């Protein structure tokens, strides 16, 4: 079945968990502080959860058929 959507190799919950680990272990403090303001209105826990949600949501889009459709190389037509 050529048009079937392949299952995600990693579920969005796994991607969210990885985003949480990145937040906790590797995100530079100044970057985290800016994200706390942007994603959590000053609350670090809210910002972390929102970042995890957005990471999972981004990955979920990869399960759509249009994302998985093969991309054909673009060939420019030149006038003769």
C-alpha atoms as a PDB file:
ATOM      1  CA  UNK A   1       0.000   0.000   0.000  1.00  0.00           C
ATOM      2  CA  UNK A   2       1.933   2.976  -1.298  1.00  0.00           C
ATOM      3  CA  UNK A   3      -0.127   5.776   0.291  1.00  0.00           C
ATOM      4  CA  UNK A   4      -0.089   4.296   3.786  1.00  0.00           C
ATOM      5  CA  UNK A   5       1.329   6.442   6.559  1.00  0.00           C
ATOM      6  CA  UNK A   6       4.281   4.857   8.307  1.00  0.00           C
ATOM      7  CA  UNK A   7       4.098   4.768  12.098  1.00  0.00           C
ATOM      8  CA  UNK A   8       6.380   7.167  13.885  1.00  0.00           C
ATOM      9  CA  UNK A   9       9.655   5.501  14.882  1.00  0.00           C
ATOM     10  CA  UNK A  10       9.427   7.348  18.181  1.00  0.00           C
ATOM     11  CA  UNK A  11       6.136   8.315  19.778  1.00  0.00           C
ATOM     12  CA  UNK A  12       5.557  12.001  20.577  1.00  0.00           C
ATOM     13  CA  UNK A  13       5.633  11.186  24.297  1.00  0.00           C
ATOM     14  CA  UNK A  14       9.230  10.001  23.883  1.00  0.00           C
ATOM     15  CA  UNK A  15      10.134  13.206  22.048  1.00  0.00           C
ATOM     16  CA  UNK A  16       8.532  15.239  24.850  1.00  0.00           C
ATOM     17  CA  UNK A  17      10.542  13.328  27.454  1.00  0.00           C
ATOM     18  CA  UNK A  18      13.749  13.989  25.517  1.00  0.00           C
ATOM     19  CA  UNK A  19      12.903  17.700  25.362  1.00  0.00           C
ATOM     20  CA  UNK A  20      12.451  17.669  29.142  1.00  0.00           C
ATOM     21  CA  UNK A  21      15.860  16.069  29.604  1.00  0.00           C
ATOM     22  CA  UNK A  22      17.460  18.624  27.306  1.00  0.00           C
ATOM     23  CA  UNK A  23      15.786  21.391  29.313  1.00  0.00           C
ATOM     24  CA  UNK A  24      17.006  19.951  32.612  1.00  0.00           C
ATOM     25  CA  UNK A  25      20.553  18.991  31.673  1.00  0.00           C
ATOM     26  CA  UNK A  26      21.834  20.965  28.710  1.00  0.00           C
ATOM     27  CA  UNK A  27      19.971  24.210  28.153  1.00  0.00           C
ATOM     28  CA  UNK A  28      22.165  27.196  28.982  1.00  0.00           C
ATOM     29  CA  UNK A  29      20.831  29.267  31.872  1.00  0.00           C
ATOM     30  CA  UNK A  30      20.405  32.504  29.858  1.00  0.00           C
ATOM     31  CA  UNK A  31      18.468  30.629  27.171  1.00  0.00           C
ATOM     32  CA  UNK A  32      16.301  28.925  29.771  1.00  0.00           C
ATOM     33  CA  UNK A  33      15.568  32.260  31.437  1.00  0.00           C
ATOM     34  CA  UNK A  34      14.385  33.738  28.146  1.00  0.00           C
ATOM     35  CA  UNK A  35      12.239  30.700  27.426  1.00  0.00           C
ATOM     36  CA  UNK A  36      10.709  30.867  30.898  1.00  0.00           C
ATOM     37  CA  UNK A  37       9.487  34.354  30.072  1.00  0.00           C
ATOM     38  CA  UNK A  38       8.394  33.470  26.528  1.00  0.00           C
ATOM     39  CA  UNK A  39       6.758  30.088  27.196  1.00  0.00           C
ATOM     40  CA  UNK A  40       5.794  30.246  30.838  1.00  0.00           C
ATOM     41  CA  UNK A  41       5.095  33.886  31.732  1.00  0.00           C
ATOM     42  CA  UNK A  42       7.797  33.681  34.387  1.00  0.00           C
ATOM     43  CA  UNK A  43       6.982  30.185  35.673  1.00  0.00           C
ATOM     44  CA  UNK A  44       9.778  27.687  34.936  1.00  0.00           C
ATOM     45  CA  UNK A  45       7.611  24.567  35.321  1.00  0.00           C
ATOM     46  CA  UNK A  46       5.024  25.905  32.893  1.00  0.00           C
ATOM     47  CA  UNK A  47       7.713  26.858  30.393  1.00  0.00           C
ATOM     48  CA  UNK A  48       9.292  23.397  30.595  1.00  0.00           C
ATOM     49  CA  UNK A  49       5.933  21.667  30.076  1.00  0.00           C
ATOM     50  CA  UNK A  50       5.123  23.952  27.151  1.00  0.00           C
ATOM     51  CA  UNK A  51       8.499  23.264  25.532  1.00  0.00           C
ATOM     52  CA  UNK A  52       7.877  19.530  25.910  1.00  0.00           C
ATOM     53  CA  UNK A  53       4.381  19.898  24.442  1.00  0.00           C
ATOM     54  CA  UNK A  54       5.654  21.859  21.431  1.00  0.00           C
ATOM     55  CA  UNK A  55       8.386  19.287  20.790  1.00  0.00           C
ATOM     56  CA  UNK A  56       5.810  16.471  20.838  1.00  0.00           C
ATOM     57  CA  UNK A  57       3.417  18.436  18.654  1.00  0.00           C
ATOM     58  CA  UNK A  58       6.173  19.116  16.118  1.00  0.00           C
ATOM     59  CA  UNK A  59       7.002  15.412  15.961  1.00  0.00           C
ATOM     60  CA  UNK A  60       3.334  14.440  15.663  1.00  0.00           C
ATOM     61  CA  UNK A  61       3.102  16.360  12.394  1.00  0.00           C
ATOM     62  CA  UNK A  62       5.638  13.983  10.875  1.00  0.00           C
ATOM     63  CA  UNK A  63       3.026  11.215  10.967  1.00  0.00           C
ATOM     64  CA  UNK A  64       0.862  12.964   8.369  1.00  0.00           C
ATOM     65  CA  UNK A  65       0.707  11.526   4.873  1.00  0.00           C
ATOM     66  CA  UNK A  66       1.678  14.825   3.238  1.00  0.00           C
ATOM     67  CA  UNK A  67       4.884  14.979   5.301  1.00  0.00           C
ATOM     68  CA  UNK A  68       5.829  11.440   4.341  1.00  0.00           C
ATOM     69  CA  UNK A  69       5.101  11.873   0.639  1.00  0.00           C
ATOM     70  CA  UNK A  70       8.272  11.513  -1.423  1.00  0.00           C
ATOM     71  CA  UNK A  71       9.674  14.782  -2.649  1.00  0.00           C
ATOM     72  CA  UNK A  72      10.354  14.915  -6.336  1.00  0.00           C
ATOM     73  CA  UNK A  73      13.306  16.994  -7.449  1.00  0.00           C
ATOM     74  CA  UNK A  74      12.302  20.353  -8.832  1.00  0.00           C
ATOM     75  CA  UNK A  75      13.199  20.780 -12.452  1.00  0.00           C
ATOM     76  CA  UNK A  76      13.193  24.296 -13.749  1.00  0.00           C
ATOM     77  CA  UNK A  77      11.684  24.659 -17.144  1.00  0.00           C
ATOM     78  CA  UNK A  78      13.647  26.908 -19.412  1.00  0.00           C
ATOM     79  CA  UNK A  79      12.062  28.539 -22.405  1.00  0.00           C
ATOM     80  CA  UNK A  80      13.424  27.343 -25.720  1.00  0.00           C
END
